Amino acid sequence: MACIAVYIKRILSYQPPFELYEVNETMRVIQYFLYLSGLAIFFFIDGILHLIRKRFSTRKDQTSAIIFNIVALGVLDYTAVAGFLGFIISGNIPWVVIFCAISFFSGIRFLPFKKNLEKFSSTK
């Protein structure tokens, strides 16, 4: 998404009108919501995923571990989507690039590698 945003900004010269994000109070609230919800996922991802892990811990097979990792990556992808939607509203490239980087680097630990699957199946 960051590459798409950079392409839109640099090649297509995308810049939303000033009134869209500075004067329009509704768009400003939406922009703040996207920003704060993306940051909330970043800071509280472990707590959010702990609740999701409880949901998938009823079964002890590998399928539930893979489904958990897919759901975890989906939750992290919300951060990138929130950054991109914020870019569409304000045209702010650093915002989308930072949110996409946070989503990408945070998601590495949830890829279904053998080590991650073993951690899920261990009982604590």
PDB file of N, CA and C in Angstrom:
ATOM      1  N   MET A   1       0.811  -1.186   0.000  1.00  0.00           N
ATOM      2  CA  MET A   1       0.000   0.000   0.000  1.00  0.00           C
ATOM      3  C   MET A   1       0.856   1.252   0.000  1.00  0.00           C
ATOM      4  N   ALA A   2       1.999   1.181   0.657  1.00  0.00           N
ATOM      5  CA  ALA A   2       2.870   2.350   0.684  1.00  0.00           C
ATOM      6  C   ALA A   2       3.374   2.672  -0.721  1.00  0.00           C
ATOM      7  N   CYS A   3       3.694   1.636  -1.489  1.00  0.00           N
ATOM      8  CA  CYS A   3       4.152   1.856  -2.865  1.00  0.00           C
ATOM      9  C   CYS A   3       3.047   2.477  -3.714  1.00  0.00           C
ATOM     10  N   ILE A   4       1.831   2.020  -3.518  1.00  0.00           N
ATOM     11  CA  ILE A   4       0.699   2.588  -4.255  1.00  0.00           C
ATOM     12  C   ILE A   4       0.512   4.054  -3.878  1.00  0.00           C
ATOM     13  N   ALA A   5       0.622   4.360  -2.590  1.00  0.00           N
ATOM     14  CA  ALA A   5       0.461   5.743  -2.137  1.00  0.00           C
ATOM     15  C   ALA A   5       1.563   6.643  -2.694  1.00  0.00           C
ATOM     16  N   VAL A   6       2.802   6.161  -2.699  1.00  0.00           N
ATOM     17  CA  VAL A   6       3.899   6.949  -3.252  1.00  0.00           C
ATOM     18  C   VAL A   6       3.677   7.170  -4.744  1.00  0.00           C
ATOM     19  N   TYR A   7       3.241   6.139  -5.454  1.00  0.00           N
ATOM     20  CA  TYR A   7       2.945   6.276  -6.885  1.00  0.00           C
ATOM     21  C   TYR A   7       1.845   7.314  -7.114  1.00  0.00           C
ATOM     22  N   ILE A   8       0.779   7.223  -6.351  1.00  0.00           N
ATOM     23  CA  ILE A   8      -0.331   8.167  -6.501  1.00  0.00           C
ATOM     24  C   ILE A   8       0.137   9.587  -6.219  1.00  0.00           C
ATOM     25  N   LYS A   9       0.961   9.766  -5.199  1.00  0.00           N
ATOM     26  CA  LYS A   9       1.419  11.099  -4.803  1.00  0.00           C
ATOM     27  C   LYS A   9       2.419  11.663  -5.803  1.00  0.00           C
ATOM     28  N   ARG A  10       3.406  10.866  -6.180  1.00  0.00           N
ATOM     29  CA  ARG A  10       4.499  11.375  -7.029  1.00  0.00           C
ATOM     30  C   ARG A  10       4.123  11.418  -8.507  1.00  0.00           C
ATOM     31  N   ILE A  11       3.601  10.341  -9.025  1.00  0.00           N
ATOM     32  CA  ILE A  11       3.333  10.254 -10.460  1.00  0.00           C
ATOM     33  C   ILE A  11       2.016  10.932 -10.819  1.00  0.00           C
ATOM     34  N   LEU A  12       0.989  10.674 -10.046  1.00  0.00           N
ATOM     35  CA  LEU A  12      -0.335  11.234 -10.362  1.00  0.00           C
ATOM     36  C   LEU A  12      -0.587  12.576  -9.678  1.00  0.00           C
ATOM     37  N   SER A  13       0.354  13.037  -8.879  1.00  0.00           N
ATOM     38  CA  SER A  13       0.268  14.329  -8.182  1.00  0.00           C
ATOM     39  C   SER A  13      -1.020  14.458  -7.367  1.00  0.00           C
ATOM     40  N   TYR A  14      -1.317  13.434  -6.614  1.00  0.00           N
ATOM     41  CA  TYR A  14      -2.533  13.440  -5.803  1.00  0.00           C
ATOM     42  C   TYR A  14      -2.360  14.350  -4.595  1.00  0.00           C
ATOM     43  N   GLN A  15      -3.275  15.265  -4.438  1.00  0.00           N
ATOM     44  CA  GLN A  15      -3.349  16.104  -3.242  1.00  0.00           C
ATOM     45  C   GLN A  15      -4.813  16.472  -3.042  1.00  0.00           C
ATOM     46  N   PRO A  16      -5.418  15.917  -1.976  1.00  0.00           N
ATOM     47  CA  PRO A  16      -6.828  16.233  -1.742  1.00  0.00           C
ATOM     48  C   PRO A  16      -6.999  17.716  -1.440  1.00  0.00           C
ATOM     49  N   PRO A  17      -8.164  18.249  -1.709  1.00  0.00           N
ATOM     50  CA  PRO A  17      -8.380  19.660  -1.399  1.00  0.00           C
ATOM     51  C   PRO A  17      -8.260  19.933   0.104  1.00  0.00           C
ATOM     52  N   PHE A  18      -7.767  21.099   0.406  1.00  0.00           N
ATOM     53  CA  PHE A  18      -7.552  21.518   1.790  1.00  0.00           C
ATOM     54  C   PHE A  18      -8.834  21.421   2.609  1.00  0.00           C
ATOM     55  N   GLU A  19      -9.956  21.738   1.984  1.00  0.00           N
ATOM     56  CA  GLU A  19     -11.231  21.726   2.689  1.00  0.00           C
ATOM     57  C   GLU A  19     -11.641  20.325   3.125  1.00  0.00           C
ATOM     58  N   LEU A  20     -11.161  19.313   2.431  1.00  0.00           N
ATOM     59  CA  LEU A  20     -11.556  17.942   2.747  1.00  0.00           C
ATOM     60  C   LEU A  20     -11.098  17.531   4.144  1.00  0.00           C
ATOM     61  N   TYR A  21      -9.887  17.862   4.512  1.00  0.00           N
ATOM     62  CA  TYR A  21      -9.365  17.356   5.779  1.00  0.00           C
ATOM     63  C   TYR A  21      -9.099  18.430   6.826  1.00  0.00           C
ATOM     64  N   GLU A  22      -9.112  19.685   6.471  1.00  0.00           N
ATOM     65  CA  GLU A  22      -8.882  20.736   7.458  1.00  0.00           C
ATOM     66  C   GLU A  22     -10.172  21.416   7.899  1.00  0.00           C
ATOM     67  N   VAL A  23     -11.088  21.631   6.969  1.00  0.00           N
ATOM     68  CA  VAL A  23     -12.313  22.359   7.287  1.00  0.00           C
ATOM     69  C   VAL A  23     -13.454  21.403   7.641  1.00  0.00           C
ATOM     70  N   ASN A  24     -13.550  20.300   6.930  1.00  0.00           N
ATOM     71  CA  ASN A  24     -14.628  19.331   7.134  1.00  0.00           C
ATOM     72  C   ASN A  24     -14.402  18.582   8.448  1.00  0.00           C
ATOM     73  N   GLU A  25     -15.243  18.856   9.424  1.00  0.00           N
ATOM     74  CA  GLU A  25     -15.090  18.274  10.764  1.00  0.00           C
ATOM     75  C   GLU A  25     -15.274  16.750  10.761  1.00  0.00           C
ATOM     76  N   THR A  26     -16.183  16.243   9.940  1.00  0.00           N
ATOM     77  CA  THR A  26     -16.418  14.799   9.878  1.00  0.00           C
ATOM     78  C   THR A  26     -15.182  14.067   9.376  1.00  0.00           C
ATOM     79  N   MET A  27     -14.557  14.586   8.344  1.00  0.00           N
ATOM     80  CA  MET A  27     -13.352  13.940   7.816  1.00  0.00           C
ATOM     81  C   MET A  27     -12.203  14.041   8.824  1.00  0.00           C
ATOM     82  N   ARG A  28     -12.169  15.096   9.578  1.00  0.00           N
ATOM     83  CA  ARG A  28     -11.138  15.244  10.596  1.00  0.00           C
ATOM     84  C   ARG A  28     -11.317  14.183  11.688  1.00  0.00           C
ATOM     85  N   VAL A  29     -12.563  13.941  12.084  1.00  0.00           N
ATOM     86  CA  VAL A  29     -12.847  12.915  13.093  1.00  0.00           C
ATOM     87  C   VAL A  29     -12.488  11.535  12.541  1.00  0.00           C
ATOM     88  N   ILE A  30     -12.838  11.270  11.293  1.00  0.00           N
ATOM     89  CA  ILE A  30     -12.490   9.986  10.663  1.00  0.00           C
ATOM     90  C   ILE A  30     -10.974   9.824  10.615  1.00  0.00           C
ATOM     91  N   GLN A  31     -10.277  10.884  10.261  1.00  0.00           N
ATOM     92  CA  GLN A  31      -8.822  10.834  10.191  1.00  0.00           C
ATOM     93  C   GLN A  31      -8.219  10.547  11.569  1.00  0.00           C
ATOM     94  N   TYR A  32      -8.705  11.200  12.601  1.00  0.00           N
ATOM     95  CA  TYR A  32      -8.220  10.925  13.955  1.00  0.00           C
ATOM     96  C   TYR A  32      -8.538   9.497  14.391  1.00  0.00           C
ATOM     97  N   PHE A  33      -9.736   9.025  14.047  1.00  0.00           N
ATOM     98  CA  PHE A  33     -10.102   7.642  14.386  1.00  0.00           C
ATOM     99  C   PHE A  33      -9.153   6.649  13.721  1.00  0.00           C
ATOM    100  N   LEU A  34      -8.877   6.843  12.439  1.00  0.00           N
ATOM    101  CA  LEU A  34      -7.963   5.942  11.736  1.00  0.00           C
ATOM    102  C   LEU A  34      -6.575   5.967  12.366  1.00  0.00           C
ATOM    103  N   TYR A  35      -6.105   7.142  12.674  1.00  0.00           N
ATOM    104  CA  TYR A  35      -4.782   7.278  13.275  1.00  0.00           C
ATOM    105  C   TYR A  35      -4.729   6.594  14.642  1.00  0.00           C
ATOM    106  N   LEU A  36      -5.691   6.900  15.489  1.00  0.00           N
ATOM    107  CA  LEU A  36      -5.681   6.336  16.838  1.00  0.00           C
ATOM    108  C   LEU A  36      -5.947   4.838  16.851  1.00  0.00           C
ATOM    109  N   SER A  37      -6.825   4.346  15.964  1.00  0.00           N
ATOM    110  CA  SER A  37      -7.074   2.903  15.929  1.00  0.00           C
ATOM    111  C   SER A  37      -5.862   2.148  15.394  1.00  0.00           C
ATOM    112  N   GLY A  38      -5.159   2.722  14.421  1.00  0.00           N
ATOM    113  CA  GLY A  38      -3.928   2.093  13.943  1.00  0.00           C
ATOM    114  C   GLY A  38      -2.862   2.041  15.019  1.00  0.00           C
ATOM    115  N   LEU A  39      -2.718   3.120  15.763  1.00  0.00           N
ATOM    116  CA  LEU A  39      -1.750   3.125  16.866  1.00  0.00           C
ATOM    117  C   LEU A  39      -2.171   2.196  17.995  1.00  0.00           C
ATOM    118  N   ALA A  40      -3.471   2.116  18.266  1.00  0.00           N
ATOM    119  CA  ALA A  40      -3.956   1.223  19.318  1.00  0.00           C
ATOM    120  C   ALA A  40      -3.629  -0.222  18.982  1.00  0.00           C
ATOM    121  N   ILE A  41      -3.805  -0.595  17.730  1.00  0.00           N
ATOM    122  CA  ILE A  41      -3.461  -1.967  17.337  1.00  0.00           C
ATOM    123  C   ILE A  41      -1.964  -2.193  17.499  1.00  0.00           C
ATOM    124  N   PHE A  42      -1.166  -1.206  17.137  1.00  0.00           N
ATOM    125  CA  PHE A  42       0.280  -1.348  17.279  1.00  0.00           C
ATOM    126  C   PHE A  42       0.675  -1.542  18.741  1.00  0.00           C
ATOM    127  N   PHE A  43       0.140  -0.727  19.630  1.00  0.00           N
ATOM    128  CA  PHE A  43       0.543  -0.787  21.029  1.00  0.00           C
ATOM    129  C   PHE A  43      -0.103  -1.935  21.800  1.00  0.00           C
ATOM    130  N   PHE A  44      -1.295  -2.337  21.425  1.00  0.00           N
ATOM    131  CA  PHE A  44      -2.021  -3.356  22.185  1.00  0.00           C
ATOM    132  C   PHE A  44      -2.207  -4.661  21.411  1.00  0.00           C
ATOM    133  N   ILE A  45      -1.362  -4.921  20.428  1.00  0.00           N
ATOM    134  CA  ILE A  45      -1.522  -6.112  19.594  1.00  0.00           C
ATOM    135  C   ILE A  45      -1.395  -7.388  20.419  1.00  0.00           C
ATOM    136  N   ASP A  46      -0.520  -7.404  21.390  1.00  0.00           N
ATOM    137  CA  ASP A  46      -0.361  -8.618  22.197  1.00  0.00           C
ATOM    138  C   ASP A  46      -1.622  -8.925  22.992  1.00  0.00           C
ATOM    139  N   GLY A  47      -2.249  -7.918  23.563  1.00  0.00           N
ATOM    140  CA  GLY A  47      -3.499  -8.128  24.300  1.00  0.00           C
ATOM    141  C   GLY A  47      -4.635  -8.546  23.392  1.00  0.00           C
ATOM    142  N   ILE A  48      -4.721  -7.924  22.231  1.00  0.00           N
ATOM    143  CA  ILE A  48      -5.765  -8.279  21.265  1.00  0.00           C
ATOM    144  C   ILE A  48      -5.585  -9.725  20.817  1.00  0.00           C
ATOM    145  N   LEU A  49      -4.355 -10.087  20.514  1.00  0.00           N
ATOM    146  CA  LEU A  49      -4.102 -11.441  20.029  1.00  0.00           C
ATOM    147  C   LEU A  49      -4.201 -12.479  21.138  1.00  0.00           C
ATOM    148  N   HIS A  50      -3.991 -12.075  22.371  1.00  0.00           N
ATOM    149  CA  HIS A  50      -4.202 -13.007  23.487  1.00  0.00           C
ATOM    150  C   HIS A  50      -5.673 -13.413  23.553  1.00  0.00           C
ATOM    151  N   LEU A  51      -6.561 -12.450  23.355  1.00  0.00           N
ATOM    152  CA  LEU A  51      -7.994 -12.771  23.326  1.00  0.00           C
ATOM    153  C   LEU A  51      -8.340 -13.674  22.142  1.00  0.00           C
ATOM    154  N   ILE A  52      -7.735 -13.403  20.990  1.00  0.00           N
ATOM    155  CA  ILE A  52      -7.988 -14.239  19.812  1.00  0.00           C
ATOM    156  C   ILE A  52      -7.399 -15.629  20.017  1.00  0.00           C
ATOM    157  N   ARG A  53      -6.221 -15.703  20.649  1.00  0.00           N
ATOM    158  CA  ARG A  53      -5.584 -17.001  20.894  1.00  0.00           C
ATOM    159  C   ARG A  53      -6.457 -17.879  21.783  1.00  0.00           C
ATOM    160  N   LYS A  54      -7.131 -17.280  22.770  1.00  0.00           N
ATOM    161  CA  LYS A  54      -8.047 -18.050  23.619  1.00  0.00           C
ATOM    162  C   LYS A  54      -9.148 -18.673  22.780  1.00  0.00           C
ATOM    163  N   ARG A  55      -9.605 -17.947  21.798  1.00  0.00           N
ATOM    164  CA  ARG A  55     -10.681 -18.440  20.920  1.00  0.00           C
ATOM    165  C   ARG A  55     -10.233 -19.667  20.134  1.00  0.00           C
ATOM    166  N   PHE A  56      -8.975 -19.652  19.682  1.00  0.00           N
ATOM    167  CA  PHE A  56      -8.473 -20.761  18.872  1.00  0.00           C
ATOM    168  C   PHE A  56      -7.795 -21.847  19.698  1.00  0.00           C
ATOM    169  N   SER A  57      -7.657 -21.675  20.999  1.00  0.00           N
ATOM    170  CA  SER A  57      -6.943 -22.665  21.804  1.00  0.00           C
ATOM    171  C   SER A  57      -7.822 -23.839  22.228  1.00  0.00           C
ATOM    172  N   THR A  58      -9.072 -23.838  21.831  1.00  0.00           N
ATOM    173  CA  THR A  58      -9.930 -24.957  22.189  1.00  0.00           C
ATOM    174  C   THR A  58      -9.529 -26.208  21.430  1.00  0.00           C
ATOM    175  N   ARG A  59      -8.986 -26.007  20.238  1.00  0.00           N
ATOM    176  CA  ARG A  59      -8.497 -27.151  19.454  1.00  0.00           C
ATOM    177  C   ARG A  59      -6.979 -27.166  19.525  1.00  0.00           C
ATOM    178  N   LYS A  60      -6.393 -28.357  19.554  1.00  0.00           N
ATOM    179  CA  LYS A  60      -4.941 -28.476  19.697  1.00  0.00           C
ATOM    180  C   LYS A  60      -4.255 -28.902  18.393  1.00  0.00           C
ATOM    181  N   ASP A  61      -4.935 -28.807  17.267  1.00  0.00           N
ATOM    182  CA  ASP A  61      -4.306 -29.230  16.020  1.00  0.00           C
ATOM    183  C   ASP A  61      -3.613 -28.056  15.345  1.00  0.00           C
ATOM    184  N   GLN A  62      -2.824 -28.335  14.317  1.00  0.00           N
ATOM    185  CA  GLN A  62      -2.055 -27.317  13.614  1.00  0.00           C
ATOM    186  C   GLN A  62      -2.952 -26.377  12.812  1.00  0.00           C
ATOM    187  N   THR A  63      -4.118 -26.816  12.411  1.00  0.00           N
ATOM    188  CA  THR A  63      -5.004 -25.970  11.628  1.00  0.00           C
ATOM    189  C   THR A  63      -5.398 -24.728  12.417  1.00  0.00           C
ATOM    190  N   SER A  64      -5.675 -24.889  13.696  1.00  0.00           N
ATOM    191  CA  SER A  64      -6.057 -23.733  14.486  1.00  0.00           C
ATOM    192  C   SER A  64      -4.890 -22.755  14.630  1.00  0.00           C
ATOM    193  N   ALA A  65      -3.656 -23.256  14.673  1.00  0.00           N
ATOM    194  CA  ALA A  65      -2.494 -22.374  14.747  1.00  0.00           C
ATOM    195  C   ALA A  65      -2.345 -21.577  13.459  1.00  0.00           C
ATOM    196  N   ILE A  66      -2.560 -22.211  12.336  1.00  0.00           N
ATOM    197  CA  ILE A  66      -2.462 -21.510  11.057  1.00  0.00           C
ATOM    198  C   ILE A  66      -3.578 -20.477  10.927  1.00  0.00           C
ATOM    199  N   ILE A  67      -4.768 -20.844  11.328  1.00  0.00           N
ATOM    200  CA  ILE A  67      -5.884 -19.888  11.280  1.00  0.00           C
ATOM    201  C   ILE A  67      -5.595 -18.712  12.202  1.00  0.00           C
ATOM    202  N   PHE A  68      -5.054 -18.981  13.386  1.00  0.00           N
ATOM    203  CA  PHE A  68      -4.699 -17.897  14.297  1.00  0.00           C
ATOM    204  C   PHE A  68      -3.697 -16.948  13.658  1.00  0.00           C
ATOM    205  N   ASN A  69      -2.668 -17.484  13.005  1.00  0.00           N
ATOM    206  CA  ASN A  69      -1.665 -16.633  12.366  1.00  0.00           C
ATOM    207  C   ASN A  69      -2.260 -15.811  11.236  1.00  0.00           C
ATOM    208  N   ILE A  70      -3.182 -16.386  10.488  1.00  0.00           N
ATOM    209  CA  ILE A  70      -3.845 -15.637   9.412  1.00  0.00           C
ATOM    210  C   ILE A  70      -4.686 -14.507   9.999  1.00  0.00           C
ATOM    211  N   VAL A  71      -5.408 -14.795  11.067  1.00  0.00           N
ATOM    212  CA  VAL A  71      -6.216 -13.760  11.720  1.00  0.00           C
ATOM    213  C   VAL A  71      -5.302 -12.674  12.293  1.00  0.00           C
ATOM    214  N   ALA A  72      -4.176 -13.058  12.891  1.00  0.00           N
ATOM    215  CA  ALA A  72      -3.236 -12.082  13.446  1.00  0.00           C
ATOM    216  C   ALA A  72      -2.692 -11.175  12.351  1.00  0.00           C
ATOM    217  N   LEU A  73      -2.344 -11.741  11.218  1.00  0.00           N
ATOM    218  CA  LEU A  73      -1.861 -10.922  10.102  1.00  0.00           C
ATOM    219  C   LEU A  73      -2.965 -10.006   9.581  1.00  0.00           C
ATOM    220  N   GLY A  74      -4.203 -10.490   9.601  1.00  0.00           N
ATOM    221  CA  GLY A  74      -5.329  -9.646   9.187  1.00  0.00           C
ATOM    222  C   GLY A  74      -5.529  -8.466  10.116  1.00  0.00           C
ATOM    223  N   VAL A  75      -5.381  -8.705  11.414  1.00  0.00           N
ATOM    224  CA  VAL A  75      -5.508  -7.611  12.382  1.00  0.00           C
ATOM    225  C   VAL A  75      -4.398  -6.585  12.144  1.00  0.00           C
ATOM    226  N   LEU A  76      -3.190  -7.059  11.893  1.00  0.00           N
ATOM    227  CA  LEU A  76      -2.087  -6.140  11.627  1.00  0.00           C
ATOM    228  C   LEU A  76      -2.259  -5.405  10.300  1.00  0.00           C
ATOM    229  N   ASP A  77      -2.892  -6.052   9.331  1.00  0.00           N
ATOM    230  CA  ASP A  77      -3.129  -5.385   8.056  1.00  0.00           C
ATOM    231  C   ASP A  77      -4.079  -4.202   8.200  1.00  0.00           C
ATOM    232  N   TYR A  78      -4.900  -4.226   9.232  1.00  0.00           N
ATOM    233  CA  TYR A  78      -5.773  -3.075   9.465  1.00  0.00           C
ATOM    234  C   TYR A  78      -4.945  -1.807   9.657  1.00  0.00           C
ATOM    235  N   THR A  79      -3.761  -1.934  10.274  1.00  0.00           N
ATOM    236  CA  THR A  79      -2.903  -0.776  10.477  1.00  0.00           C
ATOM    237  C   THR A  79      -2.501  -0.171   9.136  1.00  0.00           C
ATOM    238  N   ALA A  80      -2.123  -1.008   8.179  1.00  0.00           N
ATOM    239  CA  ALA A  80      -1.750  -0.512   6.852  1.00  0.00           C
ATOM    240  C   ALA A  80      -2.946   0.103   6.138  1.00  0.00           C
ATOM    241  N   VAL A  81      -4.100  -0.524   6.265  1.00  0.00           N
ATOM    242  CA  VAL A  81      -5.314   0.005   5.627  1.00  0.00           C
ATOM    243  C   VAL A  81      -5.687   1.353   6.242  1.00  0.00           C
ATOM    244  N   ALA A  82      -5.580   1.471   7.560  1.00  0.00           N
ATOM    245  CA  ALA A  82      -5.872   2.747   8.220  1.00  0.00           C
ATOM    246  C   ALA A  82      -4.906   3.830   7.740  1.00  0.00           C
ATOM    247  N   GLY A  83      -3.648   3.484   7.570  1.00  0.00           N
ATOM    248  CA  GLY A  83      -2.669   4.442   7.053  1.00  0.00           C
ATOM    249  C   GLY A  83      -2.986   4.869   5.634  1.00  0.00           C
ATOM    250  N   PHE A  84      -3.396   3.924   4.794  1.00  0.00           N
ATOM    251  CA  PHE A  84      -3.717   4.259   3.412  1.00  0.00           C
ATOM    252  C   PHE A  84      -4.970   5.128   3.331  1.00  0.00           C
ATOM    253  N   LEU A  85      -5.985   4.804   4.121  1.00  0.00           N
ATOM    254  CA  LEU A  85      -7.190   5.633   4.121  1.00  0.00           C
ATOM    255  C   LEU A  85      -6.887   7.031   4.646  1.00  0.00           C
ATOM    256  N   GLY A  86      -6.009   7.126   5.634  1.00  0.00           N
ATOM    257  CA  GLY A  86      -5.575   8.440   6.108  1.00  0.00           C
ATOM    258  C   GLY A  86      -4.850   9.210   5.030  1.00  0.00           C
ATOM    259  N   PHE A  87      -4.073   8.508   4.216  1.00  0.00           N
ATOM    260  CA  PHE A  87      -3.403   9.156   3.085  1.00  0.00           C
ATOM    261  C   PHE A  87      -4.414   9.671   2.069  1.00  0.00           C
ATOM    262  N   ILE A  88      -5.434   8.894   1.791  1.00  0.00           N
ATOM    263  CA  ILE A  88      -6.468   9.328   0.839  1.00  0.00           C
ATOM    264  C   ILE A  88      -7.153  10.603   1.348  1.00  0.00           C
ATOM    265  N   ILE A  89      -7.336  10.688   2.652  1.00  0.00           N
ATOM    266  CA  ILE A  89      -7.997  11.868   3.221  1.00  0.00           C
ATOM    267  C   ILE A  89      -7.074  13.083   3.203  1.00  0.00           C
ATOM    268  N   SER A  90      -5.815  12.905   3.611  1.00  0.00           N
ATOM    269  CA  SER A  90      -4.947  14.068   3.806  1.00  0.00           C
ATOM    270  C   SER A  90      -3.803  14.194   2.811  1.00  0.00           C
ATOM    271  N   GLY A  91      -3.461  13.123   2.095  1.00  0.00           N
ATOM    272  CA  GLY A  91      -2.329  13.178   1.176  1.00  0.00           C
ATOM    273  C   GLY A  91      -0.981  13.130   1.883  1.00  0.00           C
ATOM    274  N   ASN A  92      -0.960  12.628   3.114  1.00  0.00           N
ATOM    275  CA  ASN A  92       0.245  12.604   3.940  1.00  0.00           C
ATOM    276  C   ASN A  92       1.011  11.299   3.713  1.00  0.00           C
ATOM    277  N   ILE A  93       2.096  11.369   2.931  1.00  0.00           N
ATOM    278  CA  ILE A  93       2.908  10.189   2.614  1.00  0.00           C
ATOM    279  C   ILE A  93       3.582   9.578   3.849  1.00  0.00           C
ATOM    280  N   PRO A  94       4.202  10.362   4.731  1.00  0.00           N
ATOM    281  CA  PRO A  94       4.860   9.731   5.884  1.00  0.00           C
ATOM    282  C   PRO A  94       3.907   8.890   6.732  1.00  0.00           C
ATOM    283  N   TRP A  95       2.674   9.311   6.830  1.00  0.00           N
ATOM    284  CA  TRP A  95       1.704   8.574   7.625  1.00  0.00           C
ATOM    285  C   TRP A  95       1.508   7.171   7.064  1.00  0.00           C
ATOM    286  N   VAL A  96       1.253   7.046   5.783  1.00  0.00           N
ATOM    287  CA  VAL A  96       1.005   5.732   5.194  1.00  0.00           C
ATOM    288  C   VAL A  96       2.272   4.879   5.199  1.00  0.00           C
ATOM    289  N   VAL A  97       3.422   5.473   4.963  1.00  0.00           N
ATOM    290  CA  VAL A  97       4.669   4.702   4.946  1.00  0.00           C
ATOM    291  C   VAL A  97       4.974   4.147   6.344  1.00  0.00           C
ATOM    292  N   ILE A  98       4.810   4.959   7.371  1.00  0.00           N
ATOM    293  CA  ILE A  98       5.068   4.505   8.744  1.00  0.00           C
ATOM    294  C   ILE A  98       4.084   3.418   9.152  1.00  0.00           C
ATOM    295  N   PHE A  99       2.808   3.602   8.856  1.00  0.00           N
ATOM    296  CA  PHE A  99       1.822   2.590   9.227  1.00  0.00           C
ATOM    297  C   PHE A  99       2.048   1.282   8.471  1.00  0.00           C
ATOM    298  N   CYS A 100       2.423   1.354   7.206  1.00  0.00           N
ATOM    299  CA  CYS A 100       2.694   0.128   6.450  1.00  0.00           C
ATOM    300  C   CYS A 100       3.954  -0.566   6.961  1.00  0.00           C
ATOM    301  N   ALA A 101       4.960   0.205   7.354  1.00  0.00           N
ATOM    302  CA  ALA A 101       6.171  -0.394   7.915  1.00  0.00           C
ATOM    303  C   ALA A 101       5.869  -1.061   9.253  1.00  0.00           C
ATOM    304  N   ILE A 102       5.076  -0.415  10.077  1.00  0.00           N
ATOM    305  CA  ILE A 102       4.678  -1.007  11.359  1.00  0.00           C
ATOM    306  C   ILE A 102       3.941  -2.326  11.121  1.00  0.00           C
ATOM    307  N   SER A 103       3.016  -2.320  10.175  1.00  0.00           N
ATOM    308  CA  SER A 103       2.246  -3.524   9.876  1.00  0.00           C
ATOM    309  C   SER A 103       3.156  -4.639   9.365  1.00  0.00           C
ATOM    310  N   PHE A 104       4.069  -4.313   8.464  1.00  0.00           N
ATOM    311  CA  PHE A 104       4.950  -5.319   7.877  1.00  0.00           C
ATOM    312  C   PHE A 104       5.884  -5.933   8.918  1.00  0.00           C
ATOM    313  N   PHE A 105       6.591  -5.084   9.656  1.00  0.00           N
ATOM    314  CA  PHE A 105       7.574  -5.595  10.606  1.00  0.00           C
ATOM    315  C   PHE A 105       6.926  -6.258  11.816  1.00  0.00           C
ATOM    316  N   SER A 106       5.752  -5.812  12.196  1.00  0.00           N
ATOM    317  CA  SER A 106       5.042  -6.486  13.292  1.00  0.00           C
ATOM    318  C   SER A 106       4.510  -7.839  12.853  1.00  0.00           C
ATOM    319  N   GLY A 107       4.189  -7.974  11.592  1.00  0.00           N
ATOM    320  CA  GLY A 107       3.612  -9.211  11.092  1.00  0.00           C
ATOM    321  C   GLY A 107       4.594 -10.344  10.905  1.00  0.00           C
ATOM    322  N   ILE A 108       5.877 -10.045  10.884  1.00  0.00           N
ATOM    323  CA  ILE A 108       6.878 -11.090  10.662  1.00  0.00           C
ATOM    324  C   ILE A 108       6.791 -12.173  11.733  1.00  0.00           C
ATOM    325  N   ARG A 109       6.515 -11.781  12.952  1.00  0.00           N
ATOM    326  CA  ARG A 109       6.476 -12.784  14.028  1.00  0.00           C
ATOM    327  C   ARG A 109       5.244 -13.681  13.967  1.00  0.00           C
ATOM    328  N   PHE A 110       4.282 -13.379  13.110  1.00  0.00           N
ATOM    329  CA  PHE A 110       3.078 -14.192  13.003  1.00  0.00           C
ATOM    330  C   PHE A 110       3.044 -15.050  11.743  1.00  0.00           C
ATOM    331  N   LEU A 111       4.109 -15.011  10.958  1.00  0.00           N
ATOM    332  CA  LEU A 111       4.150 -15.877   9.787  1.00  0.00           C
ATOM    333  C   LEU A 111       4.219 -17.323  10.257  1.00  0.00           C
ATOM    334  N   PRO A 112       3.581 -18.234   9.545  1.00  0.00           N
ATOM    335  CA  PRO A 112       3.484 -19.615  10.040  1.00  0.00           C
ATOM    336  C   PRO A 112       4.772 -20.427   9.872  1.00  0.00           C
ATOM    337  N   PHE A 113       5.829 -20.001  10.540  1.00  0.00           N
ATOM    338  CA  PHE A 113       7.049 -20.781  10.588  1.00  0.00           C
ATOM    339  C   PHE A 113       6.898 -21.843  11.666  1.00  0.00           C
ATOM    340  N   LYS A 114       7.726 -22.850  11.609  1.00  0.00           N
ATOM    341  CA  LYS A 114       7.620 -23.962  12.557  1.00  0.00           C
ATOM    342  C   LYS A 114       7.728 -23.480  14.002  1.00  0.00           C
ATOM    343  N   LYS A 115       8.639 -22.535  14.256  1.00  0.00           N
ATOM    344  CA  LYS A 115       8.825 -22.020  15.615  1.00  0.00           C
ATOM    345  C   LYS A 115       7.539 -21.351  16.125  1.00  0.00           C
ATOM    346  N   ASN A 116       6.874 -20.591  15.281  1.00  0.00           N
ATOM    347  CA  ASN A 116       5.639 -19.922  15.686  1.00  0.00           C
ATOM    348  C   ASN A 116       4.519 -20.917  15.926  1.00  0.00           C
ATOM    349  N   LEU A 117       4.454 -21.958  15.119  1.00  0.00           N
ATOM    350  CA  LEU A 117       3.416 -22.972  15.303  1.00  0.00           C
ATOM    351  C   LEU A 117       3.645 -23.763  16.581  1.00  0.00           C
ATOM    352  N   GLU A 118       4.919 -24.022  16.923  1.00  0.00           N
ATOM    353  CA  GLU A 118       5.211 -24.740  18.159  1.00  0.00           C
ATOM    354  C   GLU A 118       4.845 -23.898  19.383  1.00  0.00           C
ATOM    355  N   LYS A 119       5.088 -22.584  19.310  1.00  0.00           N
ATOM    356  CA  LYS A 119       4.726 -21.719  20.435  1.00  0.00           C
ATOM    357  C   LYS A 119       3.215 -21.733  20.655  1.00  0.00           C
ATOM    358  N   PHE A 120       2.467 -21.807  19.572  1.00  0.00           N
ATOM    359  CA  PHE A 120       1.008 -21.789  19.709  1.00  0.00           C
ATOM    360  C   PHE A 120       0.506 -23.074  20.346  1.00  0.00           C
ATOM    361  N   SER A 121       1.095 -24.200  19.967  1.00  0.00           N
ATOM    362  CA  SER A 121       0.591 -25.481  20.470  1.00  0.00           C
ATOM    363  C   SER A 121       1.066 -25.786  21.895  1.00  0.00           C
ATOM    364  N   SER A 122       2.083 -25.063  22.366  1.00  0.00           N
ATOM    365  CA  SER A 122       2.522 -25.322  23.743  1.00  0.00           C
ATOM    366  C   SER A 122       1.501 -24.748  24.704  1.00  0.00           C
ATOM    367  N   THR A 123       1.232 -25.487  25.761  1.00  0.00           N
ATOM    368  CA  THR A 123       0.239 -25.048  26.736  1.00  0.00           C
ATOM    369  C   THR A 123       0.929 -24.266  27.838  1.00  0.00           C
ATOM    370  N   LYS A 124       0.344 -23.136  28.173  1.00  0.00           N
ATOM    371  CA  LYS A 124       0.892 -22.289  29.235  1.00  0.00           C
ATOM    372  C   LYS A 124      -0.157 -22.066  30.266  1.00  0.00           C
TER     373      LYS A 124
END
